[in-house]
Amino acid sequence: MIISTILSRLIFNFLFYILNYKIYGVFESMQRDLEKLSNINRSILNLVGHALAISITVLLSIRLGISNAMAGLILGFLMALIDICFGNCIIGNVPKKNV
């Protein structure tokens, strides 16, 4: 489950990054609203979002009996969604080489 979570989080971070910064700007309004909050409120909301993502994944895997790999995909998707909303996208924070 850990490997599928990491892989799906990276893949969905990449897809959400392309959707937001290259094509449509889907999450820009949500990011602007979250940037207006103080750092303490942002970190609390981020923590609550990750706790909800884990809870939703665990409940879905128990109730529906899905496999660990599928639960990892769901968890990776939800965590990537939280990352892009808070502007913590892994892809966008990679430093660029000076050429």
N, C-alpha and C. Protein backbone atom coordinates (compact mmCIF):
# COMPACT_ATOMS: atom_id res chain seq x y z
N MET A 1 0.82 -1.19 0.00
CA MET A 1 0.00 0.00 0.00
C MET A 1 0.87 1.26 0.00
N ILE A 2 2.01 1.20 0.65
CA ILE A 2 2.87 2.38 0.74
C ILE A 2 3.44 2.73 -0.63
N ILE A 3 3.87 1.72 -1.37
CA ILE A 3 4.45 1.97 -2.69
C ILE A 3 3.39 2.51 -3.65
N SER A 4 2.20 1.94 -3.64
CA SER A 4 1.15 2.44 -4.53
C SER A 4 0.72 3.85 -4.13
N THR A 5 0.75 4.17 -2.84
CA THR A 5 0.41 5.52 -2.40
C THR A 5 1.44 6.52 -2.90
N ILE A 6 2.71 6.19 -2.76
CA ILE A 6 3.78 7.10 -3.20
C ILE A 6 3.73 7.30 -4.72
N LEU A 7 3.58 6.21 -5.46
CA LEU A 7 3.54 6.32 -6.92
C LEU A 7 2.32 7.10 -7.40
N SER A 8 1.15 6.80 -6.84
CA SER A 8 -0.05 7.51 -7.29
C SER A 8 -0.01 8.97 -6.88
N ARG A 9 0.59 9.26 -5.71
CA ARG A 9 0.70 10.66 -5.29
C ARG A 9 1.60 11.43 -6.25
N LEU A 10 2.70 10.83 -6.67
CA LEU A 10 3.59 11.49 -7.62
C LEU A 10 2.91 11.69 -8.97
N ILE A 11 2.22 10.67 -9.45
CA ILE A 11 1.56 10.76 -10.75
C ILE A 11 0.44 11.79 -10.72
N PHE A 12 -0.40 11.76 -9.68
CA PHE A 12 -1.48 12.73 -9.60
C PHE A 12 -0.97 14.14 -9.34
N ASN A 13 0.14 14.29 -8.60
CA ASN A 13 0.74 15.61 -8.42
C ASN A 13 1.16 16.17 -9.77
N PHE A 14 1.76 15.33 -10.60
CA PHE A 14 2.18 15.75 -11.92
C PHE A 14 0.98 16.15 -12.78
N LEU A 15 -0.07 15.33 -12.77
CA LEU A 15 -1.26 15.63 -13.56
C LEU A 15 -1.96 16.91 -13.09
N PHE A 16 -2.10 17.06 -11.77
CA PHE A 16 -2.74 18.27 -11.22
C PHE A 16 -1.89 19.51 -11.49
N TYR A 17 -0.56 19.35 -11.45
CA TYR A 17 0.33 20.47 -11.75
C TYR A 17 0.12 20.93 -13.19
N ILE A 18 0.04 19.98 -14.11
CA ILE A 18 -0.19 20.34 -15.52
C ILE A 18 -1.55 21.01 -15.68
N LEU A 19 -2.58 20.46 -15.04
CA LEU A 19 -3.91 21.06 -15.14
C LEU A 19 -3.95 22.48 -14.57
N ASN A 20 -3.25 22.69 -13.49
CA ASN A 20 -3.34 23.98 -12.82
C ASN A 20 -2.43 25.03 -13.44
N TYR A 21 -1.19 24.69 -13.71
CA TYR A 21 -0.23 25.71 -14.12
C TYR A 21 0.00 25.78 -15.62
N LYS A 22 -0.30 24.74 -16.35
CA LYS A 22 -0.02 24.74 -17.78
C LYS A 22 -1.27 24.91 -18.63
N ILE A 23 -2.40 24.35 -18.21
CA ILE A 23 -3.56 24.33 -19.09
C ILE A 23 -4.70 25.23 -18.61
N TYR A 24 -5.37 24.85 -17.51
CA TYR A 24 -6.63 25.49 -17.17
C TYR A 24 -6.61 26.39 -15.94
N GLY A 25 -5.73 26.20 -15.01
CA GLY A 25 -5.76 26.98 -13.77
C GLY A 25 -6.92 26.57 -12.88
N VAL A 26 -7.17 25.28 -12.80
CA VAL A 26 -8.33 24.74 -12.11
C VAL A 26 -8.35 25.08 -10.62
N PHE A 27 -7.20 25.04 -9.98
CA PHE A 27 -7.14 25.18 -8.53
C PHE A 27 -6.69 26.57 -8.07
N GLU A 28 -6.55 27.53 -8.99
CA GLU A 28 -6.01 28.83 -8.64
C GLU A 28 -6.89 29.59 -7.65
N SER A 29 -8.20 29.56 -7.82
CA SER A 29 -9.07 30.30 -6.91
C SER A 29 -9.01 29.71 -5.49
N MET A 30 -8.94 28.41 -5.40
CA MET A 30 -8.84 27.77 -4.09
C MET A 30 -7.49 28.09 -3.45
N GLN A 31 -6.43 28.12 -4.24
CA GLN A 31 -5.11 28.45 -3.71
C GLN A 31 -5.06 29.90 -3.22
N ARG A 32 -5.71 30.81 -3.95
CA ARG A 32 -5.75 32.21 -3.52
C ARG A 32 -6.47 32.35 -2.18
N ASP A 33 -7.59 31.64 -2.03
CA ASP A 33 -8.34 31.71 -0.77
C ASP A 33 -7.54 31.13 0.39
N LEU A 34 -6.83 30.04 0.16
CA LEU A 34 -6.05 29.42 1.22
C LEU A 34 -4.81 30.23 1.56
N GLU A 35 -4.28 31.01 0.59
CA GLU A 35 -3.12 31.85 0.87
C GLU A 35 -3.47 33.00 1.80
N LYS A 36 -4.73 33.40 1.86
CA LYS A 36 -5.16 34.49 2.72
C LYS A 36 -5.18 34.10 4.19
N LEU A 37 -5.17 32.80 4.47
CA LEU A 37 -5.20 32.34 5.86
C LEU A 37 -3.81 32.47 6.50
N SER A 38 -3.79 32.52 7.81
CA SER A 38 -2.51 32.56 8.51
C SER A 38 -1.84 31.19 8.41
N ASN A 39 -0.55 31.15 8.72
CA ASN A 39 0.20 29.90 8.61
C ASN A 39 -0.31 28.84 9.57
N ILE A 40 -0.75 29.26 10.74
CA ILE A 40 -1.28 28.29 11.71
C ILE A 40 -2.56 27.66 11.19
N ASN A 41 -3.45 28.48 10.66
CA ASN A 41 -4.71 27.95 10.13
C ASN A 41 -4.47 27.05 8.91
N ARG A 42 -3.51 27.45 8.07
CA ARG A 42 -3.18 26.62 6.90
C ARG A 42 -2.64 25.26 7.32
N SER A 43 -1.76 25.26 8.32
CA SER A 43 -1.18 23.98 8.75
C SER A 43 -2.23 23.11 9.44
N ILE A 44 -3.15 23.71 10.17
CA ILE A 44 -4.22 22.94 10.80
C ILE A 44 -5.13 22.33 9.74
N LEU A 45 -5.52 23.13 8.75
CA LEU A 45 -6.37 22.62 7.67
C LEU A 45 -5.65 21.53 6.87
N ASN A 46 -4.37 21.70 6.64
CA ASN A 46 -3.59 20.70 5.93
C ASN A 46 -3.56 19.39 6.71
N LEU A 47 -3.33 19.47 8.01
CA LEU A 47 -3.31 18.29 8.86
C LEU A 47 -4.67 17.60 8.89
N VAL A 48 -5.73 18.39 9.03
CA VAL A 48 -7.09 17.83 9.04
C VAL A 48 -7.41 17.18 7.70
N GLY A 49 -6.97 17.80 6.60
CA GLY A 49 -7.20 17.23 5.28
C GLY A 49 -6.51 15.88 5.10
N HIS A 50 -5.29 15.77 5.57
CA HIS A 50 -4.57 14.50 5.47
C HIS A 50 -5.21 13.45 6.38
N ALA A 51 -5.65 13.86 7.57
CA ALA A 51 -6.32 12.91 8.47
C ALA A 51 -7.63 12.42 7.85
N LEU A 52 -8.38 13.32 7.22
CA LEU A 52 -9.62 12.91 6.54
C LEU A 52 -9.33 11.98 5.36
N ALA A 53 -8.28 12.26 4.62
CA ALA A 53 -7.92 11.40 3.48
C ALA A 53 -7.59 10.00 3.96
N ILE A 54 -6.83 9.90 5.04
CA ILE A 54 -6.49 8.58 5.58
C ILE A 54 -7.74 7.88 6.11
N SER A 55 -8.60 8.63 6.80
CA SER A 55 -9.83 8.05 7.34
C SER A 55 -10.76 7.55 6.23
N ILE A 56 -10.91 8.35 5.19
CA ILE A 56 -11.76 7.96 4.06
C ILE A 56 -11.22 6.70 3.40
N THR A 57 -9.91 6.64 3.22
CA THR A 57 -9.31 5.47 2.58
C THR A 57 -9.49 4.22 3.42
N VAL A 58 -9.27 4.34 4.73
CA VAL A 58 -9.43 3.19 5.61
C VAL A 58 -10.88 2.73 5.64
N LEU A 59 -11.81 3.66 5.74
CA LEU A 59 -13.23 3.29 5.75
C LEU A 59 -13.66 2.63 4.45
N LEU A 60 -13.17 3.16 3.32
CA LEU A 60 -13.51 2.55 2.03
C LEU A 60 -12.93 1.15 1.91
N SER A 61 -11.71 0.98 2.39
CA SER A 61 -11.11 -0.35 2.27
C SER A 61 -11.79 -1.36 3.18
N ILE A 62 -12.27 -0.92 4.32
CA ILE A 62 -12.98 -1.84 5.23
C ILE A 62 -14.37 -2.15 4.70
N ARG A 63 -15.11 -1.09 4.34
CA ARG A 63 -16.51 -1.29 3.93
C ARG A 63 -16.64 -1.98 2.59
N LEU A 64 -15.80 -1.61 1.64
CA LEU A 64 -15.92 -2.16 0.29
C LEU A 64 -15.00 -3.34 0.05
N GLY A 65 -14.07 -3.56 0.95
CA GLY A 65 -13.15 -4.68 0.81
C GLY A 65 -12.19 -4.53 -0.36
N ILE A 66 -11.76 -3.31 -0.63
CA ILE A 66 -10.84 -3.11 -1.75
C ILE A 66 -9.43 -3.53 -1.35
N SER A 67 -8.62 -3.80 -2.33
CA SER A 67 -7.26 -4.27 -2.07
C SER A 67 -6.39 -3.13 -1.56
N ASN A 68 -5.23 -3.49 -1.04
CA ASN A 68 -4.31 -2.49 -0.53
C ASN A 68 -3.78 -1.59 -1.65
N ALA A 69 -3.58 -2.15 -2.82
CA ALA A 69 -3.09 -1.35 -3.95
C ALA A 69 -4.12 -0.30 -4.35
N MET A 70 -5.39 -0.68 -4.39
CA MET A 70 -6.44 0.27 -4.74
C MET A 70 -6.59 1.33 -3.65
N ALA A 71 -6.47 0.92 -2.40
CA ALA A 71 -6.52 1.89 -1.30
C ALA A 71 -5.35 2.87 -1.40
N GLY A 72 -4.19 2.38 -1.81
CA GLY A 72 -3.04 3.25 -2.01
C GLY A 72 -3.27 4.25 -3.13
N LEU A 73 -3.93 3.82 -4.20
CA LEU A 73 -4.25 4.74 -5.30
C LEU A 73 -5.20 5.84 -4.84
N ILE A 74 -6.21 5.46 -4.08
CA ILE A 74 -7.18 6.43 -3.57
C ILE A 74 -6.50 7.42 -2.63
N LEU A 75 -5.68 6.90 -1.73
CA LEU A 75 -4.98 7.75 -0.77
C LEU A 75 -4.01 8.69 -1.48
N GLY A 76 -3.30 8.20 -2.47
CA GLY A 76 -2.39 9.04 -3.24
C GLY A 76 -3.12 10.15 -3.98
N PHE A 77 -4.29 9.82 -4.55
CA PHE A 77 -5.10 10.82 -5.24
C PHE A 77 -5.55 11.90 -4.27
N LEU A 78 -6.07 11.50 -3.11
CA LEU A 78 -6.56 12.49 -2.14
C LEU A 78 -5.43 13.36 -1.60
N MET A 79 -4.27 12.77 -1.35
CA MET A 79 -3.15 13.55 -0.83
C MET A 79 -2.59 14.49 -1.89
N ALA A 80 -2.58 14.07 -3.14
CA ALA A 80 -2.14 14.96 -4.21
C ALA A 80 -3.12 16.12 -4.38
N LEU A 81 -4.39 15.86 -4.20
CA LEU A 81 -5.40 16.91 -4.27
C LEU A 81 -5.19 17.93 -3.15
N ILE A 82 -4.89 17.45 -1.97
CA ILE A 82 -4.61 18.35 -0.85
C ILE A 82 -3.34 19.15 -1.13
N ASP A 83 -2.32 18.50 -1.65
CA ASP A 83 -1.07 19.18 -1.95
C ASP A 83 -1.26 20.33 -2.95
N ILE A 84 -1.99 20.08 -4.00
CA ILE A 84 -2.16 21.11 -5.02
C ILE A 84 -3.04 22.24 -4.52
N CYS A 85 -4.01 21.93 -3.67
CA CYS A 85 -4.87 22.99 -3.11
C CYS A 85 -4.08 23.92 -2.20
N PHE A 86 -3.16 23.37 -1.43
CA PHE A 86 -2.36 24.18 -0.52
C PHE A 86 -1.09 24.72 -1.17
N GLY A 87 -0.87 24.42 -2.44
CA GLY A 87 0.31 24.89 -3.14
C GLY A 87 1.58 24.17 -2.75
N ASN A 88 1.45 22.95 -2.22
CA ASN A 88 2.60 22.17 -1.81
C ASN A 88 2.94 21.09 -2.83
N CYS A 89 2.68 21.35 -4.08
CA CYS A 89 2.89 20.35 -5.12
C CYS A 89 4.36 19.98 -5.21
N ILE A 90 4.64 18.71 -5.21
CA ILE A 90 6.02 18.21 -5.27
C ILE A 90 6.69 18.66 -6.57
N ILE A 91 5.96 18.60 -7.66
CA ILE A 91 6.52 18.92 -8.97
C ILE A 91 6.90 20.39 -9.07
N GLY A 92 6.07 21.27 -8.54
CA GLY A 92 6.33 22.71 -8.62
C GLY A 92 7.44 23.18 -7.73
N ASN A 93 7.82 22.40 -6.72
CA ASN A 93 8.85 22.81 -5.78
C ASN A 93 10.23 22.27 -6.12
N VAL A 94 10.36 21.62 -7.25
CA VAL A 94 11.66 21.11 -7.68
C VAL A 94 12.49 22.29 -8.19
N PRO A 95 13.69 22.48 -7.63
CA PRO A 95 14.50 23.62 -8.08
C PRO A 95 14.99 23.41 -9.52
N LYS A 96 15.00 24.50 -10.28
CA LYS A 96 15.43 24.42 -11.67
C LYS A 96 16.93 24.65 -11.75
N LYS A 97 17.56 23.97 -12.72
CA LYS A 97 19.00 24.13 -12.94
C LYS A 97 19.30 25.46 -13.60
N ASN A 98 20.35 26.11 -13.18
CA ASN A 98 20.80 27.33 -13.85
C ASN A 98 21.68 26.92 -15.02
N VAL A 99 21.28 27.36 -16.19
CA VAL A 99 22.03 26.97 -17.39
C VAL A 99 22.85 28.12 -17.88
